[in-house]
């Protein structure tokens, strides 16, 4: 079953629990009951990841007060949403935008579900960055929002700078920052850091840790950014 069948399924809210489960239950027309919330099981993290991007994306859209067509189209690209599911996804997105509750409870729940899998959380942030920059203007309020989400996910200022650098464009980005290395490190140290990043951010690794397959294009984009940064460092240093 695709992630969309799981998300829209009547029991999805009870399987996930917490604010995300309540959101799903509300969309499905069910009254959420904490006593009926199931413990995590197969598919729970994929559902939470998917709803996390939808809800946090909607909350971020409120940060600058404007939701552009470009952002909506980027949102579709992030998830490769099939046409027949757009109505259901739009219902979740619209409910999240109208929900008076802040983004923090959702971010905290996602952080808890993916504790020990920071690379998956990083790819979720990449998806939000992709949406934020879709209109070619990343508003300061969106950056602040993303930084606060990153903090809840357990990323420090250096981590956030590295993640953000991958989204400023290949011509403007510092390849050393993307790789999380310093210019005075040895070639071997940089190679080791690069290989570690490739292992950690390979789509197969992320899917095994709970990232939905429907998110693979963003994961591939992350890996391409890492490879491009390493190629630039190789050429600069004459590495072989």
Protein backbone atom coordinates (compact mmCIF):
# COMPACT_ATOMS: atom_id res chain seq x y z
CA UNK A 1 0.00 0.00 0.00
CA UNK A 2 1.28 3.47 -0.85
CA UNK A 3 1.78 6.02 1.90
CA UNK A 4 -1.39 7.79 0.77
CA UNK A 5 -3.53 4.74 1.44
CA UNK A 6 -2.05 4.55 4.93
CA UNK A 7 -2.46 8.25 5.65
CA UNK A 8 -6.08 8.46 4.60
CA UNK A 9 -6.99 5.13 6.19
CA UNK A 10 -9.59 5.41 8.93
CA UNK A 11 -7.27 3.99 11.63
CA UNK A 12 -4.21 6.10 10.78
CA UNK A 13 -4.90 8.67 13.49
CA UNK A 14 -5.19 6.03 16.16
CA UNK A 15 -2.00 4.31 15.00
CA UNK A 16 0.05 7.50 15.24
CA UNK A 17 -1.50 9.17 18.27
CA UNK A 18 -0.55 12.60 19.62
CA UNK A 19 -1.31 15.86 17.81
CA UNK A 20 -0.63 14.25 14.41
CA UNK A 21 -3.15 11.52 15.18
CA UNK A 22 -5.66 14.12 16.30
CA UNK A 23 -5.14 16.02 13.05
CA UNK A 24 -5.75 12.88 11.01
CA UNK A 25 -8.77 11.94 13.06
CA UNK A 26 -10.26 15.38 12.60
CA UNK A 27 -9.76 15.26 8.84
CA UNK A 28 -11.29 11.80 8.66
CA UNK A 29 -14.27 12.94 10.70
CA UNK A 30 -13.42 10.81 13.72
CA UNK A 31 -13.31 11.88 17.35
CA UNK A 32 -9.82 11.25 18.61
CA UNK A 33 -9.60 9.19 21.80
CA UNK A 34 -6.18 8.89 23.46
CA UNK A 35 -7.22 5.63 25.12
CA UNK A 36 -7.54 4.04 21.68
CA UNK A 37 -4.17 5.25 20.42
CA UNK A 38 -2.05 2.29 19.40
CA UNK A 39 1.63 1.91 20.08
CA UNK A 40 3.98 2.50 17.11
CA UNK A 41 3.77 -0.24 14.49
CA UNK A 42 4.73 -0.80 10.89
CA UNK A 43 3.94 2.28 8.83
CA UNK A 44 3.51 4.62 11.78
CA UNK A 45 6.73 6.53 11.22
CA UNK A 46 6.07 6.84 7.48
CA UNK A 47 2.63 8.28 8.23
CA UNK A 48 4.05 10.67 10.82
CA UNK A 49 6.80 11.80 8.44
CA UNK A 50 4.30 12.50 5.66
CA UNK A 51 1.84 14.35 7.87
CA UNK A 52 4.78 16.18 9.44
CA UNK A 53 5.77 17.70 6.12
CA UNK A 54 2.18 18.57 5.26
CA UNK A 55 1.41 20.15 8.64
CA UNK A 56 4.76 21.91 9.11
CA UNK A 57 4.63 23.07 5.49
CA UNK A 58 1.21 24.57 6.13
CA UNK A 59 2.36 26.21 9.35
CA UNK A 60 5.43 27.60 7.57
CA UNK A 61 3.18 29.03 4.85
CA UNK A 62 1.55 31.13 7.56
CA UNK A 63 4.96 32.47 8.65
CA UNK A 64 5.13 35.05 5.85
CA UNK A 65 1.36 35.31 5.54
CA UNK A 66 1.26 34.30 1.87
CA UNK A 67 0.81 30.93 0.17
CA UNK A 68 1.90 31.21 -3.46
CA UNK A 69 1.07 28.91 -6.36
CA UNK A 70 4.79 28.13 -6.62
CA UNK A 71 4.81 26.87 -3.04
CA UNK A 72 1.79 24.68 -3.71
CA UNK A 73 3.43 23.22 -6.82
CA UNK A 74 6.67 22.60 -4.88
CA UNK A 75 4.65 20.82 -2.24
CA UNK A 76 3.29 18.48 -4.91
CA UNK A 77 6.83 17.86 -6.19
CA UNK A 78 8.13 16.94 -2.76
CA UNK A 79 5.71 14.06 -2.44
CA UNK A 80 4.85 13.04 -6.00
CA UNK A 81 1.20 13.19 -4.99
CA UNK A 82 -1.04 11.22 -7.36
CA UNK A 83 -3.93 13.31 -8.77
CA UNK A 84 -6.56 11.14 -7.10
CA UNK A 85 -5.13 11.92 -3.64
CA UNK A 86 -4.71 15.69 -4.04
CA UNK A 87 -8.14 16.39 -2.55
CA UNK A 88 -7.34 14.46 0.62
CA UNK A 89 -3.89 16.01 0.98
CA UNK A 90 -5.38 19.47 0.46
CA UNK A 91 -7.85 18.82 3.27
CA UNK A 92 -5.00 18.06 5.68
CA UNK A 93 -3.01 21.08 4.50
CA UNK A 94 -5.99 23.43 4.84
CA UNK A 95 -6.92 22.09 8.28
CA UNK A 96 -3.33 22.56 9.47
CA UNK A 97 -3.31 26.18 8.22
CA UNK A 98 -6.54 26.90 10.08
CA UNK A 99 -5.54 25.08 13.25
CA UNK A 100 -4.90 27.61 16.01
CA UNK A 101 -2.32 25.36 17.66
CA UNK A 102 1.32 26.18 16.90
CA UNK A 103 3.78 23.98 15.07
CA UNK A 104 5.78 23.00 18.15
CA UNK A 105 3.65 20.00 19.31
CA UNK A 106 3.87 18.47 15.83
CA UNK A 107 7.62 19.04 15.58
CA UNK A 108 8.17 17.54 19.05
CA UNK A 109 6.14 14.44 18.19
CA UNK A 110 8.07 13.91 14.96
CA UNK A 111 11.37 14.41 16.78
CA UNK A 112 10.36 11.76 19.30
CA UNK A 113 9.28 9.25 16.66
CA UNK A 114 12.56 9.66 14.77
CA UNK A 115 14.85 9.83 17.78
CA UNK A 116 18.06 8.12 16.70
CA UNK A 117 17.43 8.83 12.99
CA UNK A 118 18.64 12.43 12.55
CA UNK A 119 19.24 11.94 8.82
CA UNK A 120 15.51 11.34 8.30
CA UNK A 121 14.69 14.50 10.23
CA UNK A 122 17.25 16.35 8.11
CA UNK A 123 15.54 15.21 4.93
CA UNK A 124 12.22 16.39 6.32
CA UNK A 125 13.81 19.81 6.80
CA UNK A 126 15.12 19.61 3.22
CA UNK A 127 11.55 19.11 2.05
CA UNK A 128 10.43 22.20 3.95
CA UNK A 129 13.31 24.21 2.49
CA UNK A 130 12.28 23.05 -0.98
CA UNK A 131 8.80 24.43 -0.38
CA UNK A 132 10.05 27.67 1.19
CA UNK A 133 12.33 28.56 -1.73
CA UNK A 134 9.82 27.64 -4.45
CA UNK A 135 8.85 31.27 -5.08
CA UNK A 136 12.56 32.23 -5.26
CA UNK A 137 12.23 34.25 -2.07
CA UNK A 138 12.91 32.64 1.30
CA UNK A 139 11.34 35.07 3.73
CA UNK A 140 13.23 35.78 6.99
CA UNK A 141 10.16 34.56 8.88
CA UNK A 142 10.43 31.23 7.05
CA UNK A 143 14.12 30.94 7.96
CA UNK A 144 13.25 31.64 11.60
CA UNK A 145 10.51 29.01 11.45
CA UNK A 146 12.87 26.43 9.93
CA UNK A 147 15.56 27.21 12.48
CA UNK A 148 13.13 26.70 15.34
CA UNK A 149 11.95 23.39 13.89
CA UNK A 150 15.58 22.33 13.46
CA UNK A 151 16.22 23.14 17.12
CA UNK A 152 13.31 20.94 18.20
CA UNK A 153 14.73 18.19 15.98
CA UNK A 154 18.01 18.42 17.90
CA UNK A 155 20.13 20.29 15.35
CA UNK A 156 22.48 23.02 16.59
CA UNK A 157 23.45 26.23 14.80
CA UNK A 158 26.27 24.56 12.85
CA UNK A 159 23.97 21.75 11.73
CA UNK A 160 21.36 24.24 10.56
CA UNK A 161 23.97 26.27 8.68
CA UNK A 162 25.09 23.11 6.88
CA UNK A 163 21.53 22.14 5.97
CA UNK A 164 20.65 25.66 4.83
CA UNK A 165 23.81 25.93 2.71
CA UNK A 166 22.61 23.10 0.51
CA UNK A 167 19.64 25.22 -0.55
CA UNK A 168 21.29 28.52 -1.51
CA UNK A 169 22.27 27.19 -4.96
CA UNK A 170 25.47 25.51 -6.19
CA UNK A 171 27.07 28.78 -7.28
CA UNK A 172 26.57 30.47 -3.92
CA UNK A 173 27.00 27.52 -1.56
CA UNK A 174 30.21 26.79 0.33
CA UNK A 175 30.99 23.12 -0.42
CA UNK A 176 32.92 22.74 2.84
CA UNK A 177 29.87 23.83 4.84
CA UNK A 178 27.65 21.37 2.98
CA UNK A 179 30.06 18.54 3.84
CA UNK A 180 30.33 19.71 7.44
CA UNK A 181 34.14 19.97 7.22
CA UNK A 182 36.75 22.69 7.71
CA UNK A 183 39.19 23.92 5.09
CA UNK A 184 42.20 23.03 7.25
CA UNK A 185 41.21 19.36 7.43
CA UNK A 186 43.29 16.80 5.55
CA UNK A 187 42.17 15.21 2.28
CA UNK A 188 41.66 11.89 4.07
CA UNK A 189 39.49 13.51 6.74
CA UNK A 190 37.34 15.15 4.09
CA UNK A 191 37.02 11.89 2.15
CA UNK A 192 35.95 10.13 5.34
CA UNK A 193 33.35 12.79 6.15
CA UNK A 194 32.01 12.65 2.59
CA UNK A 195 31.69 8.86 2.61
CA UNK A 196 29.88 8.99 5.95
CA UNK A 197 27.39 11.51 4.60
CA UNK A 198 26.75 9.41 1.49
CA UNK A 199 26.08 6.32 3.62
CA UNK A 200 23.78 8.18 5.98
CA UNK A 201 21.80 9.98 3.29
CA UNK A 202 21.44 7.18 0.76
CA UNK A 203 17.71 6.86 -0.02
CA UNK A 204 17.68 3.14 0.82
CA UNK A 205 19.08 3.89 4.28
CA UNK A 206 16.51 6.61 4.90
CA UNK A 207 13.59 4.49 3.70
CA UNK A 208 14.69 1.71 6.06
CA UNK A 209 14.56 4.25 8.91
CA UNK A 210 11.02 5.38 8.14
CA UNK A 211 11.15 7.85 5.26
CA UNK A 212 8.33 7.12 2.76
CA UNK A 213 9.40 6.01 -0.72
CA UNK A 214 7.26 8.84 -2.11
CA UNK A 215 9.82 11.27 -0.68
CA UNK A 216 12.73 9.78 -2.60
CA UNK A 217 13.18 12.71 -5.01
CA UNK A 218 14.11 15.04 -2.16
CA UNK A 219 16.47 12.39 -0.78
CA UNK A 220 18.09 12.08 -4.20
CA UNK A 221 18.43 15.85 -4.36
CA UNK A 222 20.19 15.83 -1.00
CA UNK A 223 22.64 13.19 -2.18
CA UNK A 224 23.27 15.14 -5.40
CA UNK A 225 24.07 18.26 -3.35
CA UNK A 226 26.57 16.28 -1.25
CA UNK A 227 28.21 14.77 -4.34
CA UNK A 228 28.41 18.15 -6.07
CA UNK A 229 30.03 19.72 -3.00
CA UNK A 230 32.61 16.95 -2.83
CA UNK A 231 33.38 17.26 -6.55
CA UNK A 232 34.05 20.97 -6.07
CA UNK A 233 36.34 20.32 -3.11
CA UNK A 234 38.17 17.62 -5.09
CA UNK A 235 38.82 19.99 -7.97
CA UNK A 236 39.88 22.83 -5.68
CA UNK A 237 42.38 20.68 -3.78
CA UNK A 238 43.50 18.50 -6.69
CA UNK A 239 42.40 15.37 -4.86
CA UNK A 240 42.47 11.98 -6.52
